[in-house]
Amino acid sequence: MTERSKYQQSVIRNYYQNRDAIALQRAQEIVTELYLSEGKKREKYWKSLANHLLKLEVKQETIDHLVAQDDPQLAAQLVERLSKIS
C-alpha cells in the first residue's frame, strides 16, 4: 500500500476534526427532506437521521422516540438545540 501524501493526510485529519460539524449539517439537511418526503423515502431519511444523531452522541432512547413519533418538527427542535450547543 502506498503512503499518503501530506495533502491527503491533511484532508483526512480535517475530516476527523470537523466530523461533528459535518454530522450536524447533514442532520439539518435531512430534517428539511423529512418535511417534504413521504412513504419509503421518508423511512430512509429517518434511518439516515438516526445514524447522524448517533454520531452526535444523542441517546438511543431519544432517537427511538423521534422515529416513533414520525414528526419532523420534533427532529428540527432537537437539531436546533444541538446546533446551539456546538
PDB file of N, CA and C in Angstrom:
ATOM      1  N   MET A   1       0.845  -1.175   0.000  1.00  0.00           N
ATOM      2  CA  MET A   1       0.000   0.000   0.000  1.00  0.00           C
ATOM      3  C   MET A   1       0.890   1.237   0.000  1.00  0.00           C
ATOM      4  N   THR A   2       0.536   2.204  -0.819  1.00  0.00           N
ATOM      5  CA  THR A   2       1.352   3.408  -0.910  1.00  0.00           C
ATOM      6  C   THR A   2       1.062   4.336   0.255  1.00  0.00           C
ATOM      7  N   GLU A   3       2.038   5.148   0.545  1.00  0.00           N
ATOM      8  CA  GLU A   3       1.866   6.124   1.621  1.00  0.00           C
ATOM      9  C   GLU A   3       1.038   7.294   1.118  1.00  0.00           C
ATOM     10  N   ARG A   4       0.374   7.938   2.045  1.00  0.00           N
ATOM     11  CA  ARG A   4      -0.452   9.095   1.684  1.00  0.00           C
ATOM     12  C   ARG A   4       0.417  10.335   1.592  1.00  0.00           C
ATOM     13  N   SER A   5       0.028  11.235   0.676  1.00  0.00           N
ATOM     14  CA  SER A   5       0.750  12.494   0.558  1.00  0.00           C
ATOM     15  C   SER A   5       0.373  13.392   1.736  1.00  0.00           C
ATOM     16  N   LYS A   6       1.119  14.468   1.916  1.00  0.00           N
ATOM     17  CA  LYS A   6       0.816  15.402   3.007  1.00  0.00           C
ATOM     18  C   LYS A   6      -0.572  16.000   2.828  1.00  0.00           C
ATOM     19  N   TYR A   7      -0.933  16.275   1.579  1.00  0.00           N
ATOM     20  CA  TYR A   7      -2.263  16.833   1.303  1.00  0.00           C
ATOM     21  C   TYR A   7      -3.347  15.840   1.719  1.00  0.00           C
ATOM     22  N   GLN A   8      -3.202  14.578   1.359  1.00  0.00           N
ATOM     23  CA  GLN A   8      -4.182  13.563   1.728  1.00  0.00           C
ATOM     24  C   GLN A   8      -4.269  13.422   3.244  1.00  0.00           C
ATOM     25  N   GLN A   9      -3.138  13.460   3.914  1.00  0.00           N
ATOM     26  CA  GLN A   9      -3.133  13.376   5.367  1.00  0.00           C
ATOM     27  C   GLN A   9      -3.871  14.550   5.991  1.00  0.00           C
ATOM     28  N   SER A  10      -3.684  15.738   5.432  1.00  0.00           N
ATOM     29  CA  SER A  10      -4.367  16.915   5.992  1.00  0.00           C
ATOM     30  C   SER A  10      -5.867  16.851   5.740  1.00  0.00           C
ATOM     31  N   VAL A  11      -6.287  16.339   4.590  1.00  0.00           N
ATOM     32  CA  VAL A  11      -7.714  16.198   4.301  1.00  0.00           C
ATOM     33  C   VAL A  11      -8.349  15.225   5.289  1.00  0.00           C
ATOM     34  N   ILE A  12      -7.693  14.110   5.516  1.00  0.00           N
ATOM     35  CA  ILE A  12      -8.214  13.115   6.461  1.00  0.00           C
ATOM     36  C   ILE A  12      -8.260  13.680   7.871  1.00  0.00           C
ATOM     37  N   ARG A  13      -7.220  14.380   8.287  1.00  0.00           N
ATOM     38  CA  ARG A  13      -7.169  14.971   9.628  1.00  0.00           C
ATOM     39  C   ARG A  13      -8.282  16.010   9.792  1.00  0.00           C
ATOM     40  N   ASN A  14      -8.473  16.854   8.776  1.00  0.00           N
ATOM     41  CA  ASN A  14      -9.518  17.876   8.853  1.00  0.00           C
ATOM     42  C   ASN A  14     -10.908  17.256   8.927  1.00  0.00           C
ATOM     43  N   TYR A  15     -11.115  16.169   8.197  1.00  0.00           N
ATOM     44  CA  TYR A  15     -12.405  15.493   8.244  1.00  0.00           C
ATOM     45  C   TYR A  15     -12.706  15.039   9.668  1.00  0.00           C
ATOM     46  N   TYR A  16     -11.754  14.380  10.308  1.00  0.00           N
ATOM     47  CA  TYR A  16     -11.998  13.871  11.653  1.00  0.00           C
ATOM     48  C   TYR A  16     -12.104  14.989  12.683  1.00  0.00           C
ATOM     49  N   GLN A  17     -11.448  16.108  12.456  1.00  0.00           N
ATOM     50  CA  GLN A  17     -11.575  17.241  13.376  1.00  0.00           C
ATOM     51  C   GLN A  17     -12.947  17.897  13.251  1.00  0.00           C
ATOM     52  N   ASN A  18     -13.536  17.844  12.068  1.00  0.00           N
ATOM     53  CA  ASN A  18     -14.821  18.505  11.820  1.00  0.00           C
ATOM     54  C   ASN A  18     -15.979  17.529  11.683  1.00  0.00           C
ATOM     55  N   ARG A  19     -15.801  16.315  12.130  1.00  0.00           N
ATOM     56  CA  ARG A  19     -16.815  15.281  11.956  1.00  0.00           C
ATOM     57  C   ARG A  19     -18.136  15.660  12.615  1.00  0.00           C
ATOM     58  N   ASP A  20     -18.109  16.276  13.782  1.00  0.00           N
ATOM     59  CA  ASP A  20     -19.349  16.671  14.454  1.00  0.00           C
ATOM     60  C   ASP A  20     -20.090  17.740  13.664  1.00  0.00           C
ATOM     61  N   ALA A  21     -19.366  18.717  13.147  1.00  0.00           N
ATOM     62  CA  ALA A  21     -19.993  19.779  12.366  1.00  0.00           C
ATOM     63  C   ALA A  21     -20.598  19.222  11.082  1.00  0.00           C
ATOM     64  N   ILE A  22     -19.919  18.271  10.476  1.00  0.00           N
ATOM     65  CA  ILE A  22     -20.420  17.648   9.254  1.00  0.00           C
ATOM     66  C   ILE A  22     -21.705  16.874   9.548  1.00  0.00           C
ATOM     67  N   ALA A  23     -21.718  16.115  10.640  1.00  0.00           N
ATOM     68  CA  ALA A  23     -22.903  15.340  11.013  1.00  0.00           C
ATOM     69  C   ALA A  23     -24.072  16.263  11.343  1.00  0.00           C
ATOM     70  N   LEU A  24     -23.801  17.368  12.012  1.00  0.00           N
ATOM     71  CA  LEU A  24     -24.859  18.320  12.349  1.00  0.00           C
ATOM     72  C   LEU A  24     -25.440  18.961  11.098  1.00  0.00           C
ATOM     73  N   GLN A  25     -24.594  19.358  10.176  1.00  0.00           N
ATOM     74  CA  GLN A  25     -25.075  19.971   8.938  1.00  0.00           C
ATOM     75  C   GLN A  25     -25.918  18.983   8.148  1.00  0.00           C
ATOM     76  N   ARG A  26     -25.467  17.745   8.065  1.00  0.00           N
ATOM     77  CA  ARG A  26     -26.225  16.729   7.332  1.00  0.00           C
ATOM     78  C   ARG A  26     -27.558  16.455   8.022  1.00  0.00           C
ATOM     79  N   ALA A  27     -27.583  16.451   9.352  1.00  0.00           N
ATOM     80  CA  ALA A  27     -28.836  16.252  10.087  1.00  0.00           C
ATOM     81  C   ALA A  27     -29.816  17.374   9.772  1.00  0.00           C
ATOM     82  N   GLN A  28     -29.330  18.600   9.682  1.00  0.00           N
ATOM     83  CA  GLN A  28     -30.189  19.729   9.329  1.00  0.00           C
ATOM     84  C   GLN A  28     -30.777  19.550   7.936  1.00  0.00           C
ATOM     85  N   GLU A  29     -29.965  19.090   7.003  1.00  0.00           N
ATOM     86  CA  GLU A  29     -30.442  18.871   5.638  1.00  0.00           C
ATOM     87  C   GLU A  29     -31.494  17.759   5.598  1.00  0.00           C
ATOM     88  N   ILE A  30     -31.281  16.716   6.377  1.00  0.00           N
ATOM     89  CA  ILE A  30     -32.220  15.594   6.390  1.00  0.00           C
ATOM     90  C   ILE A  30     -33.557  16.002   6.986  1.00  0.00           C
ATOM     91  N   VAL A  31     -33.547  16.855   8.007  1.00  0.00           N
ATOM     92  CA  VAL A  31     -34.803  17.327   8.597  1.00  0.00           C
ATOM     93  C   VAL A  31     -35.625  18.062   7.538  1.00  0.00           C
ATOM     94  N   THR A  32     -34.972  18.855   6.723  1.00  0.00           N
ATOM     95  CA  THR A  32     -35.672  19.537   5.628  1.00  0.00           C
ATOM     96  C   THR A  32     -36.305  18.525   4.685  1.00  0.00           C
ATOM     97  N   GLU A  33     -35.562  17.487   4.353  1.00  0.00           N
ATOM     98  CA  GLU A  33     -36.083  16.454   3.456  1.00  0.00           C
ATOM     99  C   GLU A  33     -37.249  15.695   4.086  1.00  0.00           C
ATOM    100  N   LEU A  34     -37.228  15.533   5.407  1.00  0.00           N
ATOM    101  CA  LEU A  34     -38.327  14.848   6.084  1.00  0.00           C
ATOM    102  C   LEU A  34     -39.649  15.582   5.913  1.00  0.00           C
ATOM    103  N   TYR A  35     -39.592  16.909   5.949  1.00  0.00           N
ATOM    104  CA  TYR A  35     -40.809  17.697   5.770  1.00  0.00           C
ATOM    105  C   TYR A  35     -41.411  17.472   4.385  1.00  0.00           C
ATOM    106  N   LEU A  36     -40.582  17.192   3.403  1.00  0.00           N
ATOM    107  CA  LEU A  36     -41.032  17.111   2.007  1.00  0.00           C
ATOM    108  C   LEU A  36     -41.300  15.698   1.516  1.00  0.00           C
ATOM    109  N   SER A  37     -40.886  14.687   2.263  1.00  0.00           N
ATOM    110  CA  SER A  37     -40.950  13.325   1.750  1.00  0.00           C
ATOM    111  C   SER A  37     -42.131  12.543   2.319  1.00  0.00           C
ATOM    112  N   GLU A  38     -42.420  11.435   1.623  1.00  0.00           N
ATOM    113  CA  GLU A  38     -43.492  10.535   2.046  1.00  0.00           C
ATOM    114  C   GLU A  38     -43.059   9.093   1.801  1.00  0.00           C
ATOM    115  N   GLY A  39     -43.726   8.170   2.449  1.00  0.00           N
ATOM    116  CA  GLY A  39     -43.533   6.753   2.174  1.00  0.00           C
ATOM    117  C   GLY A  39     -42.148   6.224   2.484  1.00  0.00           C
ATOM    118  N   LYS A  40     -41.631   5.434   1.546  1.00  0.00           N
ATOM    119  CA  LYS A  40     -40.339   4.764   1.756  1.00  0.00           C
ATOM    120  C   LYS A  40     -39.185   5.759   1.844  1.00  0.00           C
ATOM    121  N   LYS A  41     -39.277   6.843   1.092  1.00  0.00           N
ATOM    122  CA  LYS A  41     -38.215   7.853   1.164  1.00  0.00           C
ATOM    123  C   LYS A  41     -38.150   8.444   2.564  1.00  0.00           C
ATOM    124  N   ARG A  42     -39.304   8.669   3.140  1.00  0.00           N
ATOM    125  CA  ARG A  42     -39.354   9.234   4.491  1.00  0.00           C
ATOM    126  C   ARG A  42     -38.705   8.280   5.489  1.00  0.00           C
ATOM    127  N   GLU A  43     -38.966   6.980   5.350  1.00  0.00           N
ATOM    128  CA  GLU A  43     -38.336   5.985   6.224  1.00  0.00           C
ATOM    129  C   GLU A  43     -36.818   6.000   6.058  1.00  0.00           C
ATOM    130  N   LYS A  44     -36.374   6.142   4.820  1.00  0.00           N
ATOM    131  CA  LYS A  44     -34.936   6.186   4.540  1.00  0.00           C
ATOM    132  C   LYS A  44     -34.303   7.399   5.220  1.00  0.00           C
ATOM    133  N   TYR A  45     -34.976   8.544   5.149  1.00  0.00           N
ATOM    134  CA  TYR A  45     -34.447   9.755   5.788  1.00  0.00           C
ATOM    135  C   TYR A  45     -34.427   9.616   7.308  1.00  0.00           C
ATOM    136  N   TRP A  46     -35.425   8.946   7.892  1.00  0.00           N
ATOM    137  CA  TRP A  46     -35.415   8.740   9.337  1.00  0.00           C
ATOM    138  C   TRP A  46     -34.221   7.885   9.753  1.00  0.00           C
ATOM    139  N   LYS A  47     -33.928   6.832   8.968  1.00  0.00           N
ATOM    140  CA  LYS A  47     -32.773   5.981   9.279  1.00  0.00           C
ATOM    141  C   LYS A  47     -31.480   6.776   9.180  1.00  0.00           C
ATOM    142  N   SER A  48     -31.379   7.585   8.151  1.00  0.00           N
ATOM    143  CA  SER A  48     -30.182   8.394   7.955  1.00  0.00           C
ATOM    144  C   SER A  48     -30.025   9.409   9.089  1.00  0.00           C
ATOM    145  N   LEU A  49     -31.132  10.033   9.475  1.00  0.00           N
ATOM    146  CA  LEU A  49     -31.084  10.997  10.576  1.00  0.00           C
ATOM    147  C   LEU A  49     -30.670  10.310  11.867  1.00  0.00           C
ATOM    148  N   ALA A  50     -31.178   9.110  12.093  1.00  0.00           N
ATOM    149  CA  ALA A  50     -30.811   8.366  13.302  1.00  0.00           C
ATOM    150  C   ALA A  50     -29.311   8.097  13.332  1.00  0.00           C
ATOM    151  N   ASN A  51     -28.730   7.738  12.203  1.00  0.00           N
ATOM    152  CA  ASN A  51     -27.289   7.492  12.144  1.00  0.00           C
ATOM    153  C   ASN A  51     -26.494   8.754  12.459  1.00  0.00           C
ATOM    154  N   HIS A  52     -26.915   9.877  11.917  1.00  0.00           N
ATOM    155  CA  HIS A  52     -26.192  11.125  12.160  1.00  0.00           C
ATOM    156  C   HIS A  52     -26.358  11.594  13.604  1.00  0.00           C
ATOM    157  N   LEU A  53     -27.526  11.361  14.180  1.00  0.00           N
ATOM    158  CA  LEU A  53     -27.727  11.733  15.576  1.00  0.00           C
ATOM    159  C   LEU A  53     -26.876  10.859  16.503  1.00  0.00           C
ATOM    160  N   LEU A  54     -26.690   9.595  16.140  1.00  0.00           N
ATOM    161  CA  LEU A  54     -25.796   8.740  16.915  1.00  0.00           C
ATOM    162  C   LEU A  54     -24.371   9.270  16.874  1.00  0.00           C
ATOM    163  N   LYS A  55     -23.946   9.762  15.721  1.00  0.00           N
ATOM    164  CA  LYS A  55     -22.607  10.343  15.597  1.00  0.00           C
ATOM    165  C   LYS A  55     -22.468  11.580  16.471  1.00  0.00           C
ATOM    166  N   LEU A  56     -23.587  12.258  16.690  1.00  0.00           N
ATOM    167  CA  LEU A  56     -23.583  13.450  17.545  1.00  0.00           C
ATOM    168  C   LEU A  56     -23.796  13.091  19.017  1.00  0.00           C
ATOM    169  N   GLU A  57     -23.778  11.806  19.323  1.00  0.00           N
ATOM    170  CA  GLU A  57     -23.878  11.289  20.687  1.00  0.00           C
ATOM    171  C   GLU A  57     -25.223  11.578  21.361  1.00  0.00           C
ATOM    172  N   VAL A  58     -26.290  11.529  20.577  1.00  0.00           N
ATOM    173  CA  VAL A  58     -27.643  11.637  21.117  1.00  0.00           C
ATOM    174  C   VAL A  58     -28.023  10.255  21.625  1.00  0.00           C
ATOM    175  N   LYS A  59     -28.708  10.202  22.750  1.00  0.00           N
ATOM    176  CA  LYS A  59     -29.086   8.922  23.355  1.00  0.00           C
ATOM    177  C   LYS A  59     -30.014   8.138  22.417  1.00  0.00           C
ATOM    178  N   GLN A  60     -29.832   6.826  22.423  1.00  0.00           N
ATOM    179  CA  GLN A  60     -30.629   5.945  21.566  1.00  0.00           C
ATOM    180  C   GLN A  60     -32.120   6.052  21.886  1.00  0.00           C
ATOM    181  N   GLU A  61     -32.465   6.226  23.171  1.00  0.00           N
ATOM    182  CA  GLU A  61     -33.871   6.351  23.559  1.00  0.00           C
ATOM    183  C   GLU A  61     -34.507   7.574  22.904  1.00  0.00           C
ATOM    184  N   THR A  62     -33.768   8.665  22.848  1.00  0.00           N
ATOM    185  CA  THR A  62     -34.268   9.891  22.237  1.00  0.00           C
ATOM    186  C   THR A  62     -34.493   9.683  20.744  1.00  0.00           C
ATOM    187  N   ILE A  63     -33.541   9.028  20.104  1.00  0.00           N
ATOM    188  CA  ILE A  63     -33.660   8.769  18.669  1.00  0.00           C
ATOM    189  C   ILE A  63     -34.860   7.865  18.399  1.00  0.00           C
ATOM    190  N   ASP A  64     -35.018   6.814  19.197  1.00  0.00           N
ATOM    191  CA  ASP A  64     -36.148   5.903  19.022  1.00  0.00           C
ATOM    192  C   ASP A  64     -37.473   6.639  19.181  1.00  0.00           C
ATOM    193  N   HIS A  65     -37.540   7.538  20.142  1.00  0.00           N
ATOM    194  CA  HIS A  65     -38.756   8.319  20.364  1.00  0.00           C
ATOM    195  C   HIS A  65     -39.067   9.198  19.144  1.00  0.00           C
ATOM    196  N   LEU A  66     -38.054   9.854  18.600  1.00  0.00           N
ATOM    197  CA  LEU A  66     -38.262  10.696  17.419  1.00  0.00           C
ATOM    198  C   LEU A  66     -38.789   9.892  16.245  1.00  0.00           C
ATOM    199  N   VAL A  67     -38.183   8.744  16.009  1.00  0.00           N
ATOM    200  CA  VAL A  67     -38.590   7.904  14.881  1.00  0.00           C
ATOM    201  C   VAL A  67     -40.013   7.390  15.086  1.00  0.00           C
ATOM    202  N   ALA A  68     -40.343   7.005  16.306  1.00  0.00           N
ATOM    203  CA  ALA A  68     -41.689   6.504  16.598  1.00  0.00           C
ATOM    204  C   ALA A  68     -42.743   7.589  16.411  1.00  0.00           C
ATOM    205  N   GLN A  69     -42.417   8.826  16.780  1.00  0.00           N
ATOM    206  CA  GLN A  69     -43.363   9.931  16.638  1.00  0.00           C
ATOM    207  C   GLN A  69     -43.561  10.322  15.176  1.00  0.00           C
ATOM    208  N   ASP A  70     -42.534  10.123  14.350  1.00  0.00           N
ATOM    209  CA  ASP A  70     -42.580  10.447  12.917  1.00  0.00           C
ATOM    210  C   ASP A  70     -43.000  11.906  12.707  1.00  0.00           C
ATOM    211  N   ASP A  71     -42.440  12.791  13.522  1.00  0.00           N
ATOM    212  CA  ASP A  71     -42.763  14.216  13.460  1.00  0.00           C
ATOM    213  C   ASP A  71     -41.484  15.009  13.171  1.00  0.00           C
ATOM    214  N   PRO A  72     -41.349  15.532  11.951  1.00  0.00           N
ATOM    215  CA  PRO A  72     -40.140  16.291  11.614  1.00  0.00           C
ATOM    216  C   PRO A  72     -39.933  17.523  12.490  1.00  0.00           C
ATOM    217  N   GLN A  73     -41.012  18.068  13.030  1.00  0.00           N
ATOM    218  CA  GLN A  73     -40.883  19.259  13.869  1.00  0.00           C
ATOM    219  C   GLN A  73     -40.108  18.933  15.148  1.00  0.00           C
ATOM    220  N   LEU A  74     -40.347  17.764  15.734  1.00  0.00           N
ATOM    221  CA  LEU A  74     -39.589  17.355  16.919  1.00  0.00           C
ATOM    222  C   LEU A  74     -38.112  17.182  16.580  1.00  0.00           C
ATOM    223  N   ALA A  75     -37.844  16.591  15.430  1.00  0.00           N
ATOM    224  CA  ALA A  75     -36.461  16.407  14.990  1.00  0.00           C
ATOM    225  C   ALA A  75     -35.800  17.757  14.761  1.00  0.00           C
ATOM    226  N   ALA A  76     -36.535  18.690  14.181  1.00  0.00           N
ATOM    227  CA  ALA A  76     -35.994  20.029  13.927  1.00  0.00           C
ATOM    228  C   ALA A  76     -35.644  20.731  15.235  1.00  0.00           C
ATOM    229  N   GLN A  77     -36.493  20.568  16.244  1.00  0.00           N
ATOM    230  CA  GLN A  77     -36.217  21.189  17.534  1.00  0.00           C
ATOM    231  C   GLN A  77     -34.963  20.603  18.168  1.00  0.00           C
ATOM    232  N   LEU A  78     -34.797  19.294  18.064  1.00  0.00           N
ATOM    233  CA  LEU A  78     -33.613  18.651  18.621  1.00  0.00           C
ATOM    234  C   LEU A  78     -32.351  19.112  17.902  1.00  0.00           C
ATOM    235  N   VAL A  79     -32.398  19.148  16.584  1.00  0.00           N
ATOM    236  CA  VAL A  79     -31.233  19.564  15.802  1.00  0.00           C
ATOM    237  C   VAL A  79     -30.906  21.019  16.082  1.00  0.00           C
ATOM    238  N   GLU A  80     -31.930  21.842  16.284  1.00  0.00           N
ATOM    239  CA  GLU A  80     -31.689  23.252  16.614  1.00  0.00           C
ATOM    240  C   GLU A  80     -30.989  23.376  17.968  1.00  0.00           C
ATOM    241  N   ARG A  81     -31.420  22.583  18.954  1.00  0.00           N
ATOM    242  CA  ARG A  81     -30.748  22.603  20.254  1.00  0.00           C
ATOM    243  C   ARG A  81     -29.300  22.136  20.142  1.00  0.00           C
ATOM    244  N   LEU A  82     -29.072  21.127  19.315  1.00  0.00           N
ATOM    245  CA  LEU A  82     -27.714  20.629  19.120  1.00  0.00           C
ATOM    246  C   LEU A  82     -26.827  21.679  18.444  1.00  0.00           C
ATOM    247  N   SER A  83     -27.401  22.434  17.532  1.00  0.00           N
ATOM    248  CA  SER A  83     -26.595  23.469  16.845  1.00  0.00           C
ATOM    249  C   SER A  83     -26.243  24.604  17.785  1.00  0.00           C
ATOM    250  N   LYS A  84     -27.078  24.888  18.774  1.00  0.00           N
ATOM    251  CA  LYS A  84     -26.760  25.931  19.744  1.00  0.00           C
ATOM    252  C   LYS A  84     -25.653  25.495  20.698  1.00  0.00           C
ATOM    253  N   ILE A  85     -25.595  24.185  20.966  1.00  0.00           N
ATOM    254  CA  ILE A  85     -24.572  23.653  21.860  1.00  0.00           C
ATOM    255  C   ILE A  85     -23.205  23.690  21.196  1.00  0.00           C
ATOM    256  N   SER A  86     -23.174  23.384  19.913  1.00  0.00           N
ATOM    257  CA  SER A  86     -21.887  23.298  19.192  1.00  0.00           C
ATOM    258  C   SER A  86     -21.193  24.612  19.049  1.00  0.00           C
TER     259      SER A  86
END
